[in-house]
Amino acid sequence: MTTAAPLTLYSYWRSTTSYRVRAALNLKGVAYDIVPVDLVAGAQRADSYAALNPGQGVPTLVLADGTVLTQSLAILDYIEATWSDPALLPADPVARAQVLAAAHTMALDVHPVNNLRVVTHLRDVYDAGTDGAMEWMRHWMSQGFAALEVLVRDDTPFAFGAAPDLADLCIVAQVYNARRWGVDLDPFPNVARIEAACLAHPAIAAAHPDQQPDAS
């Protein structure tokens, strides 16, 4: 059952970090209002938004009482602690660590060197050019996916079982970015399988960038 909408999510449609949070809220049936933040236009640097999120990124989650949460993994942790069903992390400590390792491979190893501010800096400061920027993005994503192939299971629809967990949300968001940048996914059958399972799930499909109000 979807709750009343006490939450406001500042989001950008193509943001992989926003994608993760949208998917988690959808899976747990938590209603939220979206306020688009156009990263390409620089809306994240506006004084009003920077006052809300000093890191000038997305997502930002504003609770009903006005509390502001930033950083997608911190927001996901809040969501998991507040709405426990369905669980995105296993109760067993070893299984939990394995899910987190896969999730962090995408969220902490790949994403930080593949986001808009990094590629913009490469172009503007280091004259990387389009080809150089594309090679940079593909290199780090391919390296991350290679690690992921070993970390996840190969006998389940999702990364670690029959239902999506935190790892799946981080994976499907990063694969969206990989497809945008032309990463060859053929060497990564587990990654492709997980993406297909995620996109077949209505809650995750509804979080897809193309389904967002600011999609263009």
N, C-alpha and C. Protein backbone atom coordinates (compact mmCIF):
# COMPACT_ATOMS: atom_id res chain seq x y z
N MET A 1 0.85 -1.19 0.00
CA MET A 1 0.00 0.00 0.00
C MET A 1 0.88 1.24 0.00
N THR A 2 0.61 2.15 -0.91
CA THR A 2 1.38 3.37 -1.00
C THR A 2 0.95 4.35 0.07
N THR A 3 1.91 4.95 0.74
CA THR A 3 1.60 5.92 1.78
C THR A 3 1.26 7.26 1.16
N ALA A 4 0.70 8.16 1.99
CA ALA A 4 0.51 9.54 1.55
C ALA A 4 1.89 10.12 1.27
N ALA A 5 1.93 11.19 0.49
CA ALA A 5 3.21 11.71 0.01
C ALA A 5 3.81 12.73 0.96
N PRO A 6 4.58 12.27 1.96
CA PRO A 6 5.21 13.22 2.87
C PRO A 6 6.60 13.64 2.42
N LEU A 7 7.09 13.04 1.37
CA LEU A 7 8.48 13.22 0.98
C LEU A 7 8.59 14.03 -0.31
N THR A 8 9.65 14.81 -0.38
CA THR A 8 9.98 15.53 -1.61
C THR A 8 11.37 15.10 -2.04
N LEU A 9 11.48 14.60 -3.26
CA LEU A 9 12.75 14.14 -3.79
C LEU A 9 13.22 15.08 -4.89
N TYR A 10 14.34 15.73 -4.64
CA TYR A 10 14.99 16.53 -5.67
C TYR A 10 15.83 15.57 -6.51
N SER A 11 15.55 15.53 -7.79
CA SER A 11 16.06 14.46 -8.64
C SER A 11 16.36 15.00 -10.02
N TYR A 12 17.30 14.35 -10.70
CA TYR A 12 17.53 14.61 -12.12
C TYR A 12 17.30 13.30 -12.85
N TRP A 13 16.60 13.36 -13.95
CA TRP A 13 16.11 12.14 -14.59
C TRP A 13 17.22 11.17 -14.95
N ARG A 14 18.36 11.66 -15.42
CA ARG A 14 19.44 10.78 -15.84
C ARG A 14 20.42 10.44 -14.72
N SER A 15 20.25 11.02 -13.57
CA SER A 15 21.16 10.77 -12.47
C SER A 15 21.05 9.33 -11.98
N THR A 16 22.17 8.60 -11.96
CA THR A 16 22.13 7.22 -11.47
C THR A 16 21.84 7.17 -9.97
N THR A 17 22.32 8.18 -9.24
CA THR A 17 22.06 8.20 -7.81
C THR A 17 20.58 8.45 -7.51
N SER A 18 19.96 9.32 -8.30
CA SER A 18 18.53 9.55 -8.15
C SER A 18 17.73 8.31 -8.53
N TYR A 19 18.16 7.63 -9.58
CA TYR A 19 17.52 6.41 -10.05
C TYR A 19 17.46 5.38 -8.92
N ARG A 20 18.57 5.18 -8.20
CA ARG A 20 18.59 4.22 -7.09
C ARG A 20 17.53 4.54 -6.05
N VAL A 21 17.46 5.81 -5.69
CA VAL A 21 16.54 6.22 -4.62
C VAL A 21 15.09 6.12 -5.09
N ARG A 22 14.81 6.54 -6.31
CA ARG A 22 13.45 6.39 -6.84
C ARG A 22 13.02 4.94 -6.81
N ALA A 23 13.91 4.05 -7.23
CA ALA A 23 13.58 2.62 -7.27
C ALA A 23 13.31 2.09 -5.87
N ALA A 24 14.10 2.49 -4.89
CA ALA A 24 13.91 2.01 -3.52
C ALA A 24 12.56 2.48 -2.97
N LEU A 25 12.24 3.75 -3.17
CA LEU A 25 10.96 4.26 -2.70
C LEU A 25 9.79 3.54 -3.38
N ASN A 26 9.93 3.32 -4.68
CA ASN A 26 8.86 2.60 -5.41
C ASN A 26 8.70 1.18 -4.90
N LEU A 27 9.80 0.48 -4.68
CA LEU A 27 9.72 -0.90 -4.20
C LEU A 27 9.02 -0.99 -2.85
N LYS A 28 9.23 0.00 -2.02
CA LYS A 28 8.65 -0.02 -0.68
C LYS A 28 7.28 0.65 -0.62
N GLY A 29 6.80 1.13 -1.76
CA GLY A 29 5.47 1.72 -1.80
C GLY A 29 5.38 3.05 -1.08
N VAL A 30 6.46 3.79 -1.07
CA VAL A 30 6.48 5.09 -0.39
C VAL A 30 6.24 6.19 -1.42
N ALA A 31 5.21 6.97 -1.19
CA ALA A 31 4.89 8.05 -2.14
C ALA A 31 5.82 9.22 -1.93
N TYR A 32 6.11 9.92 -3.02
CA TYR A 32 7.00 11.08 -2.96
C TYR A 32 6.70 12.00 -4.13
N ASP A 33 6.96 13.26 -3.92
CA ASP A 33 6.86 14.24 -4.99
C ASP A 33 8.25 14.51 -5.53
N ILE A 34 8.36 14.66 -6.84
CA ILE A 34 9.65 14.93 -7.48
C ILE A 34 9.76 16.41 -7.83
N VAL A 35 10.89 16.99 -7.47
CA VAL A 35 11.25 18.32 -7.93
C VAL A 35 12.48 18.16 -8.81
N PRO A 36 12.36 18.38 -10.11
CA PRO A 36 13.50 18.20 -11.00
C PRO A 36 14.60 19.23 -10.76
N VAL A 37 15.85 18.78 -10.85
CA VAL A 37 17.02 19.65 -10.77
C VAL A 37 17.83 19.41 -12.04
N ASP A 38 17.86 20.38 -12.91
CA ASP A 38 18.52 20.21 -14.21
C ASP A 38 20.03 20.38 -14.04
N LEU A 39 20.74 19.25 -13.93
CA LEU A 39 22.18 19.30 -13.71
C LEU A 39 22.92 19.89 -14.91
N VAL A 40 22.46 19.59 -16.10
CA VAL A 40 23.14 20.08 -17.30
C VAL A 40 23.05 21.60 -17.38
N ALA A 41 21.91 22.15 -16.96
CA ALA A 41 21.73 23.60 -16.96
C ALA A 41 22.39 24.28 -15.77
N GLY A 42 22.89 23.47 -14.82
CA GLY A 42 23.55 24.05 -13.65
C GLY A 42 22.64 24.44 -12.52
N ALA A 43 21.41 23.92 -12.52
CA ALA A 43 20.46 24.29 -11.47
C ALA A 43 20.94 23.91 -10.07
N GLN A 44 21.81 22.91 -10.00
CA GLN A 44 22.33 22.47 -8.70
C GLN A 44 23.23 23.52 -8.05
N ARG A 45 23.71 24.47 -8.84
CA ARG A 45 24.59 25.51 -8.31
C ARG A 45 23.85 26.77 -7.90
N ALA A 46 22.55 26.81 -8.11
CA ALA A 46 21.75 27.96 -7.68
C ALA A 46 21.83 28.09 -6.16
N ASP A 47 21.84 29.33 -5.66
CA ASP A 47 21.97 29.56 -4.22
C ASP A 47 20.91 28.83 -3.42
N SER A 48 19.68 28.83 -3.92
CA SER A 48 18.58 28.21 -3.18
C SER A 48 18.78 26.71 -3.06
N TYR A 49 19.30 26.07 -4.12
CA TYR A 49 19.52 24.63 -4.04
C TYR A 49 20.78 24.31 -3.25
N ALA A 50 21.83 25.10 -3.41
CA ALA A 50 23.06 24.87 -2.67
C ALA A 50 22.84 25.01 -1.17
N ALA A 51 21.89 25.87 -0.78
CA ALA A 51 21.55 26.00 0.64
C ALA A 51 20.89 24.72 1.15
N LEU A 52 20.17 24.04 0.26
CA LEU A 52 19.50 22.79 0.61
C LEU A 52 20.49 21.63 0.62
N ASN A 53 21.35 21.59 -0.39
CA ASN A 53 22.34 20.53 -0.54
C ASN A 53 23.70 21.15 -0.82
N PRO A 54 24.53 21.31 0.22
CA PRO A 54 25.82 21.98 0.03
C PRO A 54 26.74 21.28 -0.96
N GLY A 55 26.53 19.99 -1.18
CA GLY A 55 27.33 19.26 -2.16
C GLY A 55 26.93 19.55 -3.59
N GLN A 56 25.80 20.24 -3.76
CA GLN A 56 25.30 20.65 -5.07
C GLN A 56 25.13 19.46 -6.01
N GLY A 57 24.57 18.40 -5.47
CA GLY A 57 24.30 17.22 -6.28
C GLY A 57 22.88 16.75 -6.04
N VAL A 58 22.55 15.64 -6.63
CA VAL A 58 21.27 14.98 -6.41
C VAL A 58 21.57 13.52 -6.07
N PRO A 59 20.63 12.89 -5.38
CA PRO A 59 19.34 13.38 -4.92
C PRO A 59 19.42 14.11 -3.59
N THR A 60 18.36 14.84 -3.30
CA THR A 60 18.12 15.39 -1.98
C THR A 60 16.71 14.97 -1.57
N LEU A 61 16.57 14.45 -0.37
CA LEU A 61 15.27 14.02 0.11
C LEU A 61 14.87 14.91 1.28
N VAL A 62 13.70 15.55 1.16
CA VAL A 62 13.18 16.40 2.22
C VAL A 62 11.99 15.68 2.87
N LEU A 63 12.10 15.46 4.18
CA LEU A 63 11.06 14.76 4.93
C LEU A 63 9.91 15.70 5.26
N ALA A 64 8.82 15.13 5.77
CA ALA A 64 7.62 15.90 6.06
C ALA A 64 7.89 17.02 7.06
N ASP A 65 8.82 16.79 7.98
CA ASP A 65 9.10 17.81 9.00
C ASP A 65 10.16 18.81 8.56
N GLY A 66 10.58 18.71 7.29
CA GLY A 66 11.56 19.63 6.76
C GLY A 66 13.00 19.17 6.86
N THR A 67 13.24 18.03 7.50
CA THR A 67 14.59 17.49 7.58
C THR A 67 15.11 17.19 6.18
N VAL A 68 16.35 17.57 5.93
CA VAL A 68 16.95 17.38 4.61
C VAL A 68 18.00 16.29 4.68
N LEU A 69 17.89 15.31 3.79
CA LEU A 69 18.87 14.24 3.68
C LEU A 69 19.54 14.30 2.32
N THR A 70 20.86 14.10 2.31
CA THR A 70 21.61 14.11 1.06
C THR A 70 22.45 12.84 0.97
N GLN A 71 23.08 12.63 -0.17
CA GLN A 71 23.90 11.46 -0.48
C GLN A 71 23.02 10.21 -0.62
N SER A 72 23.03 9.62 -1.80
CA SER A 72 22.09 8.54 -2.10
C SER A 72 22.21 7.35 -1.16
N LEU A 73 23.43 6.95 -0.80
CA LEU A 73 23.57 5.79 0.08
C LEU A 73 23.04 6.09 1.47
N ALA A 74 23.22 7.32 1.95
CA ALA A 74 22.65 7.71 3.23
C ALA A 74 21.13 7.75 3.16
N ILE A 75 20.60 8.24 2.07
CA ILE A 75 19.15 8.26 1.88
C ILE A 75 18.60 6.84 1.81
N LEU A 76 19.28 5.98 1.09
CA LEU A 76 18.86 4.58 0.99
C LEU A 76 18.89 3.90 2.35
N ASP A 77 19.88 4.22 3.16
CA ASP A 77 19.96 3.67 4.51
C ASP A 77 18.77 4.15 5.34
N TYR A 78 18.41 5.41 5.21
CA TYR A 78 17.23 5.94 5.92
C TYR A 78 15.95 5.23 5.46
N ILE A 79 15.82 5.06 4.16
CA ILE A 79 14.64 4.39 3.61
C ILE A 79 14.53 2.97 4.15
N GLU A 80 15.65 2.25 4.15
CA GLU A 80 15.66 0.87 4.63
C GLU A 80 15.32 0.80 6.12
N ALA A 81 15.83 1.74 6.90
CA ALA A 81 15.57 1.74 8.33
C ALA A 81 14.14 2.15 8.66
N THR A 82 13.52 2.93 7.79
CA THR A 82 12.18 3.45 8.06
C THR A 82 11.09 2.55 7.52
N TRP A 83 11.31 1.99 6.35
CA TRP A 83 10.34 1.10 5.73
C TRP A 83 11.04 -0.23 5.45
N SER A 84 10.81 -1.19 6.28
CA SER A 84 11.61 -2.42 6.25
C SER A 84 11.13 -3.45 5.23
N ASP A 85 9.97 -3.24 4.65
CA ASP A 85 9.40 -4.25 3.75
C ASP A 85 9.10 -3.65 2.39
N PRO A 86 9.62 -4.26 1.34
CA PRO A 86 10.52 -5.41 1.32
C PRO A 86 11.96 -5.00 1.66
N ALA A 87 12.67 -5.89 2.28
CA ALA A 87 14.04 -5.59 2.70
C ALA A 87 14.96 -5.49 1.50
N LEU A 88 15.83 -4.50 1.53
CA LEU A 88 16.84 -4.35 0.48
C LEU A 88 18.19 -4.89 0.91
N LEU A 89 18.30 -5.24 2.20
CA LEU A 89 19.53 -5.83 2.73
C LEU A 89 19.18 -7.06 3.56
N PRO A 90 19.92 -8.15 3.42
CA PRO A 90 19.63 -9.36 4.20
C PRO A 90 19.93 -9.14 5.69
N ALA A 91 19.27 -9.94 6.53
CA ALA A 91 19.53 -9.88 7.98
C ALA A 91 20.84 -10.56 8.32
N ASP A 92 21.19 -11.63 7.60
CA ASP A 92 22.42 -12.36 7.87
C ASP A 92 23.63 -11.46 7.61
N PRO A 93 24.56 -11.34 8.57
CA PRO A 93 25.68 -10.40 8.41
C PRO A 93 26.56 -10.67 7.20
N VAL A 94 26.82 -11.95 6.89
CA VAL A 94 27.67 -12.26 5.75
C VAL A 94 26.96 -11.91 4.44
N ALA A 95 25.70 -12.31 4.34
CA ALA A 95 24.94 -12.00 3.13
C ALA A 95 24.80 -10.49 2.96
N ARG A 96 24.60 -9.78 4.06
CA ARG A 96 24.49 -8.32 4.02
C ARG A 96 25.79 -7.71 3.48
N ALA A 97 26.92 -8.19 3.99
CA ALA A 97 28.21 -7.67 3.53
C ALA A 97 28.43 -7.95 2.05
N GLN A 98 27.96 -9.09 1.56
CA GLN A 98 28.12 -9.42 0.15
C GLN A 98 27.28 -8.50 -0.74
N VAL A 99 26.05 -8.23 -0.32
CA VAL A 99 25.19 -7.32 -1.07
C VAL A 99 25.80 -5.92 -1.07
N LEU A 100 26.28 -5.48 0.08
CA LEU A 100 26.89 -4.15 0.16
C LEU A 100 28.15 -4.05 -0.69
N ALA A 101 28.93 -5.12 -0.74
CA ALA A 101 30.14 -5.10 -1.57
C ALA A 101 29.80 -4.88 -3.04
N ALA A 102 28.79 -5.57 -3.51
CA ALA A 102 28.37 -5.40 -4.91
C ALA A 102 27.80 -4.01 -5.14
N ALA A 103 26.96 -3.56 -4.21
CA ALA A 103 26.38 -2.21 -4.33
C ALA A 103 27.47 -1.15 -4.33
N HIS A 104 28.44 -1.29 -3.44
CA HIS A 104 29.50 -0.30 -3.32
C HIS A 104 30.45 -0.32 -4.51
N THR A 105 30.59 -1.46 -5.16
CA THR A 105 31.41 -1.51 -6.38
C THR A 105 30.87 -0.53 -7.40
N MET A 106 29.54 -0.46 -7.52
CA MET A 106 28.94 0.49 -8.44
C MET A 106 28.92 1.91 -7.86
N ALA A 107 28.48 2.02 -6.59
CA ALA A 107 28.22 3.34 -6.01
C ALA A 107 29.47 4.07 -5.54
N LEU A 108 30.50 3.33 -5.15
CA LEU A 108 31.68 3.97 -4.59
C LEU A 108 32.92 3.84 -5.47
N ASP A 109 33.02 2.76 -6.25
CA ASP A 109 34.18 2.60 -7.13
C ASP A 109 33.95 3.22 -8.50
N VAL A 110 32.77 2.98 -9.08
CA VAL A 110 32.52 3.41 -10.46
C VAL A 110 31.91 4.80 -10.53
N HIS A 111 30.82 5.00 -9.81
CA HIS A 111 30.08 6.26 -9.98
C HIS A 111 30.90 7.52 -9.70
N PRO A 112 31.70 7.57 -8.62
CA PRO A 112 32.40 8.82 -8.32
C PRO A 112 33.33 9.31 -9.44
N VAL A 113 33.87 8.40 -10.23
CA VAL A 113 34.75 8.84 -11.32
C VAL A 113 34.02 8.91 -12.65
N ASN A 114 32.71 8.68 -12.63
CA ASN A 114 31.93 8.66 -13.87
C ASN A 114 30.78 9.66 -13.87
N ASN A 115 30.78 10.58 -12.92
CA ASN A 115 29.64 11.49 -12.89
C ASN A 115 29.89 12.74 -13.72
N LEU A 116 28.87 13.58 -13.82
CA LEU A 116 28.91 14.72 -14.73
C LEU A 116 30.02 15.70 -14.37
N ARG A 117 30.23 15.94 -13.07
CA ARG A 117 31.23 16.94 -12.69
C ARG A 117 32.65 16.48 -13.04
N VAL A 118 32.88 15.17 -12.97
CA VAL A 118 34.20 14.65 -13.30
C VAL A 118 34.47 14.75 -14.80
N VAL A 119 33.50 14.31 -15.59
CA VAL A 119 33.73 14.33 -17.04
C VAL A 119 33.79 15.76 -17.56
N THR A 120 33.04 16.67 -16.93
CA THR A 120 33.12 18.09 -17.30
C THR A 120 34.50 18.65 -16.97
N HIS A 121 35.04 18.28 -15.83
CA HIS A 121 36.38 18.74 -15.44
C HIS A 121 37.44 18.19 -16.39
N LEU A 122 37.28 16.93 -16.78
CA LEU A 122 38.23 16.34 -17.74
C LEU A 122 38.25 17.13 -19.04
N ARG A 123 37.07 17.52 -19.48
CA ARG A 123 36.99 18.24 -20.75
C ARG A 123 37.51 19.67 -20.62
N ASP A 124 37.08 20.35 -19.55
CA ASP A 124 37.38 21.78 -19.42
C ASP A 124 38.81 22.07 -18.98
N VAL A 125 39.36 21.22 -18.10
CA VAL A 125 40.67 21.50 -17.51
C VAL A 125 41.78 20.72 -18.21
N TYR A 126 41.47 19.48 -18.58
CA TYR A 126 42.51 18.61 -19.14
C TYR A 126 42.35 18.38 -20.65
N ASP A 127 41.41 19.10 -21.26
CA ASP A 127 41.22 19.03 -22.71
C ASP A 127 41.06 17.59 -23.20
N ALA A 128 40.30 16.81 -22.45
CA ALA A 128 40.13 15.40 -22.80
C ALA A 128 39.42 15.23 -24.13
N GLY A 129 38.53 16.13 -24.47
CA GLY A 129 37.76 15.98 -25.70
C GLY A 129 36.73 14.88 -25.56
N THR A 130 35.86 14.79 -26.55
CA THR A 130 34.78 13.80 -26.50
C THR A 130 35.31 12.38 -26.47
N ASP A 131 36.28 12.09 -27.32
CA ASP A 131 36.83 10.72 -27.37
C ASP A 131 37.52 10.35 -26.07
N GLY A 132 38.27 11.27 -25.51
CA GLY A 132 38.95 11.00 -24.26
C GLY A 132 37.99 10.79 -23.12
N ALA A 133 36.94 11.60 -23.07
CA ALA A 133 35.93 11.46 -22.03
C ALA A 133 35.21 10.12 -22.14
N MET A 134 34.91 9.72 -23.36
CA MET A 134 34.23 8.45 -23.56
C MET A 134 35.11 7.27 -23.16
N GLU A 135 36.40 7.35 -23.50
CA GLU A 135 37.31 6.27 -23.13
C GLU A 135 37.43 6.17 -21.61
N TRP A 136 37.49 7.31 -20.94
CA TRP A 136 37.56 7.35 -19.48
C TRP A 136 36.34 6.67 -18.86
N MET A 137 35.16 7.07 -19.33
CA MET A 137 33.91 6.52 -18.77
C MET A 137 33.83 5.01 -19.01
N ARG A 138 34.12 4.59 -20.23
CA ARG A 138 34.03 3.17 -20.56
C ARG A 138 35.04 2.34 -19.77
N HIS A 139 36.23 2.88 -19.59
CA HIS A 139 37.27 2.15 -18.86
C HIS A 139 36.82 1.84 -17.44
N TRP A 140 36.37 2.84 -16.70
CA TRP A 140 36.02 2.62 -15.29
C TRP A 140 34.76 1.80 -15.13
N MET A 141 33.81 1.97 -16.05
CA MET A 141 32.60 1.14 -15.95
C MET A 141 32.92 -0.32 -16.27
N SER A 142 33.70 -0.55 -17.29
CA SER A 142 34.06 -1.92 -17.65
C SER A 142 34.84 -2.59 -16.52
N GLN A 143 35.73 -1.85 -15.90
CA GLN A 143 36.49 -2.42 -14.78
C GLN A 143 35.56 -2.78 -13.62
N GLY A 144 34.61 -1.93 -13.34
CA GLY A 144 33.66 -2.21 -12.27
C GLY A 144 32.77 -3.39 -12.58
N PHE A 145 32.30 -3.48 -13.82
CA PHE A 145 31.45 -4.60 -14.21
C PHE A 145 32.21 -5.93 -14.15
N ALA A 146 33.49 -5.90 -14.49
CA ALA A 146 34.31 -7.11 -14.42
C ALA A 146 34.37 -7.63 -12.99
N ALA A 147 34.54 -6.74 -12.04
CA ALA A 147 34.54 -7.14 -10.63
C ALA A 147 33.17 -7.65 -10.21
N LEU A 148 32.14 -6.97 -10.69
CA LEU A 148 30.77 -7.34 -10.32
C LEU A 148 30.42 -8.75 -10.79
N GLU A 149 30.89 -9.12 -11.97
CA GLU A 149 30.61 -10.45 -12.50
C GLU A 149 30.98 -11.55 -11.51
N VAL A 150 32.03 -11.32 -10.75
CA VAL A 150 32.52 -12.31 -9.78
C VAL A 150 31.79 -12.19 -8.45
N LEU A 151 31.37 -10.98 -8.11
CA LEU A 151 30.76 -10.74 -6.80
C LEU A 151 29.33 -11.25 -6.69
N VAL A 152 28.59 -11.23 -7.79
CA VAL A 152 27.17 -11.60 -7.74
C VAL A 152 26.99 -13.08 -8.08
N ARG A 153 25.79 -13.57 -7.79
CA ARG A 153 25.47 -14.96 -8.13
C ARG A 153 25.15 -15.07 -9.61
N ASP A 154 25.27 -16.28 -10.15
CA ASP A 154 24.95 -16.49 -11.56
C ASP A 154 23.79 -17.47 -11.73
N ASP A 155 23.10 -17.79 -10.63
CA ASP A 155 22.01 -18.77 -10.68
C ASP A 155 20.70 -18.19 -10.19
N THR A 156 20.59 -16.86 -10.13
CA THR A 156 19.37 -16.21 -9.67
C THR A 156 19.02 -15.08 -10.62
N PRO A 157 17.74 -14.67 -10.69
CA PRO A 157 17.39 -13.57 -11.59
C PRO A 157 18.07 -12.26 -11.22
N PHE A 158 18.05 -11.97 -9.92
CA PHE A 158 18.67 -10.75 -9.44
C PHE A 158 20.07 -11.06 -8.92
N ALA A 159 20.74 -10.06 -8.38
CA ALA A 159 22.14 -10.22 -8.01
C ALA A 159 22.37 -11.32 -6.99
N PHE A 160 21.45 -11.44 -6.03
CA PHE A 160 21.65 -12.41 -4.96
C PHE A 160 20.41 -13.24 -4.64
N GLY A 161 19.39 -13.20 -5.48
CA GLY A 161 18.21 -13.98 -5.17
C GLY A 161 17.07 -13.73 -6.13
N ALA A 162 15.87 -14.07 -5.67
CA ALA A 162 14.68 -13.97 -6.51
C ALA A 162 14.03 -12.60 -6.45
N ALA A 163 14.51 -11.73 -5.57
CA ALA A 163 13.94 -10.39 -5.42
C ALA A 163 15.05 -9.36 -5.45
N PRO A 164 14.75 -8.14 -5.87
CA PRO A 164 15.80 -7.12 -5.95
C PRO A 164 16.26 -6.65 -4.58
N ASP A 165 17.53 -6.31 -4.49
CA ASP A 165 18.08 -5.76 -3.26
C ASP A 165 18.88 -4.50 -3.60
N LEU A 166 19.62 -3.99 -2.62
CA LEU A 166 20.36 -2.75 -2.83
C LEU A 166 21.36 -2.88 -3.97
N ALA A 167 22.00 -4.01 -4.09
CA ALA A 167 22.96 -4.20 -5.18
C ALA A 167 22.30 -4.03 -6.53
N ASP A 168 21.13 -4.63 -6.69
CA ASP A 168 20.42 -4.54 -7.97
C ASP A 168 20.11 -3.10 -8.34
N LEU A 169 19.70 -2.30 -7.36
CA LEU A 169 19.35 -0.91 -7.65
C LEU A 169 20.57 -0.12 -8.10
N CYS A 170 21.70 -0.38 -7.48
CA CYS A 170 22.93 0.31 -7.89
C CYS A 170 23.40 -0.18 -9.26
N ILE A 171 23.21 -1.47 -9.52
CA ILE A 171 23.64 -2.05 -10.80
C ILE A 171 22.80 -1.52 -11.95
N VAL A 172 21.47 -1.59 -11.83
CA VAL A 172 20.62 -1.20 -12.96
C VAL A 172 20.81 0.27 -13.30
N ALA A 173 21.04 1.10 -12.29
CA ALA A 173 21.27 2.52 -12.56
C ALA A 173 22.58 2.73 -13.31
N GLN A 174 23.63 2.01 -12.92
CA GLN A 174 24.92 2.18 -13.59
C GLN A 174 24.89 1.60 -15.01
N VAL A 175 24.14 0.54 -15.22
CA VAL A 175 24.03 -0.03 -16.57
C VAL A 175 23.34 0.96 -17.50
N TYR A 176 22.35 1.69 -16.97
CA TYR A 176 21.72 2.73 -17.79
C TYR A 176 22.78 3.70 -18.30
N ASN A 177 23.66 4.12 -17.40
CA ASN A 177 24.73 5.04 -17.78
C ASN A 177 25.69 4.38 -18.76
N ALA A 178 25.98 3.11 -18.54
CA ALA A 178 26.89 2.39 -19.43
C ALA A 178 26.35 2.33 -20.85
N ARG A 179 25.07 2.09 -20.98
CA ARG A 179 24.46 2.04 -22.32
C ARG A 179 24.54 3.40 -23.00
N ARG A 180 24.36 4.47 -22.23
CA ARG A 180 24.48 5.82 -22.79
C ARG A 180 25.87 6.06 -23.36
N TRP A 181 26.89 5.52 -22.71
CA TRP A 181 28.27 5.77 -23.10
C TRP A 181 28.84 4.68 -24.01
N GLY A 182 28.00 3.75 -24.43
CA GLY A 182 28.42 2.74 -25.41
C GLY A 182 29.33 1.68 -24.87
N VAL A 183 29.20 1.33 -23.57
CA VAL A 183 30.01 0.26 -23.00
C VAL A 183 29.55 -1.08 -23.57
N ASP A 184 30.48 -1.91 -23.97
CA ASP A 184 30.18 -3.25 -24.47
C ASP A 184 29.84 -4.14 -23.27
N LEU A 185 28.60 -4.58 -23.19
CA LEU A 185 28.16 -5.39 -22.05
C LEU A 185 28.23 -6.89 -22.34
N ASP A 186 28.64 -7.26 -23.53
CA ASP A 186 28.70 -8.69 -23.87
C ASP A 186 29.61 -9.50 -22.93
N PRO A 187 30.71 -8.93 -22.45
CA PRO A 187 31.56 -9.72 -21.53
C PRO A 187 30.97 -9.87 -20.12
N PHE A 188 29.79 -9.27 -19.89
CA PHE A 188 29.24 -9.24 -18.53
C PHE A 188 27.83 -9.82 -18.49
N PRO A 189 27.69 -11.13 -18.70
CA PRO A 189 26.35 -11.72 -18.75
C PRO A 189 25.56 -11.59 -17.45
N ASN A 190 26.24 -11.64 -16.32
CA ASN A 190 25.51 -11.47 -15.06
C ASN A 190 24.92 -10.07 -14.94
N VAL A 191 25.70 -9.09 -15.34
CA VAL A 191 25.22 -7.72 -15.32
C VAL A 191 24.01 -7.55 -16.23
N ALA A 192 24.08 -8.11 -17.43
CA ALA A 192 22.96 -8.01 -18.37
C ALA A 192 21.73 -8.72 -17.84
N ARG A 193 21.92 -9.87 -17.20
CA ARG A 193 20.79 -10.62 -16.63
C ARG A 193 20.11 -9.82 -15.51
N ILE A 194 20.93 -9.20 -14.66
CA ILE A 194 20.38 -8.42 -13.56
C ILE A 194 19.62 -7.21 -14.08
N GLU A 195 20.17 -6.56 -15.09
CA GLU A 195 19.46 -5.42 -15.68
C GLU A 195 18.10 -5.85 -16.21
N ALA A 196 18.05 -6.96 -16.92
CA ALA A 196 16.78 -7.43 -17.49
C ALA A 196 15.76 -7.73 -16.40
N ALA A 197 16.21 -8.38 -15.32
CA ALA A 197 15.30 -8.69 -14.21
C ALA A 197 14.78 -7.41 -13.57
N CYS A 198 15.65 -6.43 -13.41
CA CYS A 198 15.23 -5.17 -12.80
C CYS A 198 14.22 -4.44 -13.68
N LEU A 199 14.49 -4.36 -14.97
CA LEU A 199 13.60 -3.61 -15.86
C LEU A 199 12.25 -4.30 -16.04
N ALA A 200 12.19 -5.59 -15.73
CA ALA A 200 10.92 -6.31 -15.79
C ALA A 200 10.10 -6.12 -14.52
N HIS A 201 10.69 -5.53 -13.50
CA HIS A 201 9.99 -5.30 -12.24
C HIS A 201 9.29 -3.94 -12.32
N PRO A 202 7.97 -3.87 -12.15
CA PRO A 202 7.24 -2.61 -12.35
C PRO A 202 7.75 -1.45 -11.50
N ALA A 203 8.12 -1.71 -10.26
CA ALA A 203 8.57 -0.62 -9.38
C ALA A 203 9.88 -0.02 -9.87
N ILE A 204 10.77 -0.86 -10.35
CA ILE A 204 12.06 -0.36 -10.84
C ILE A 204 11.88 0.26 -12.22
N ALA A 205 11.04 -0.35 -13.05
CA ALA A 205 10.78 0.21 -14.37
C ALA A 205 10.21 1.63 -14.26
N ALA A 206 9.38 1.87 -13.23
CA ALA A 206 8.79 3.20 -13.03
C ALA A 206 9.83 4.24 -12.61
N ALA A 207 10.95 3.77 -12.07
CA ALA A 207 12.03 4.68 -11.66
C ALA A 207 12.99 4.98 -12.80
N HIS A 208 12.85 4.29 -13.93
CA HIS A 208 13.76 4.46 -15.06
C HIS A 208 13.79 5.92 -15.51
N PRO A 209 14.94 6.42 -15.92
CA PRO A 209 15.04 7.81 -16.34
C PRO A 209 14.00 8.23 -17.38
N ASP A 210 13.72 7.37 -18.34
CA ASP A 210 12.77 7.75 -19.39
C ASP A 210 11.36 7.96 -18.89
N GLN A 211 11.06 7.49 -17.68
CA GLN A 211 9.71 7.62 -17.12
C GLN A 211 9.57 8.85 -16.20
N GLN A 212 10.60 9.67 -16.11
CA GLN A 212 10.57 10.77 -15.18
C GLN A 212 9.96 12.03 -15.80
N PRO A 213 9.38 12.90 -14.96
CA PRO A 213 8.70 14.08 -15.49
C PRO A 213 9.62 15.06 -16.22
N ASP A 214 10.92 15.03 -15.89
CA ASP A 214 11.85 15.95 -16.54
C ASP A 214 12.64 15.29 -17.66
N ALA A 215 12.25 14.08 -18.06
CA ALA A 215 12.95 13.39 -19.14
C ALA A 215 12.84 14.19 -20.43
N SER A 216 13.94 14.21 -21.18
CA SER A 216 13.91 14.96 -22.44
C SER A 216 14.71 14.22 -23.49
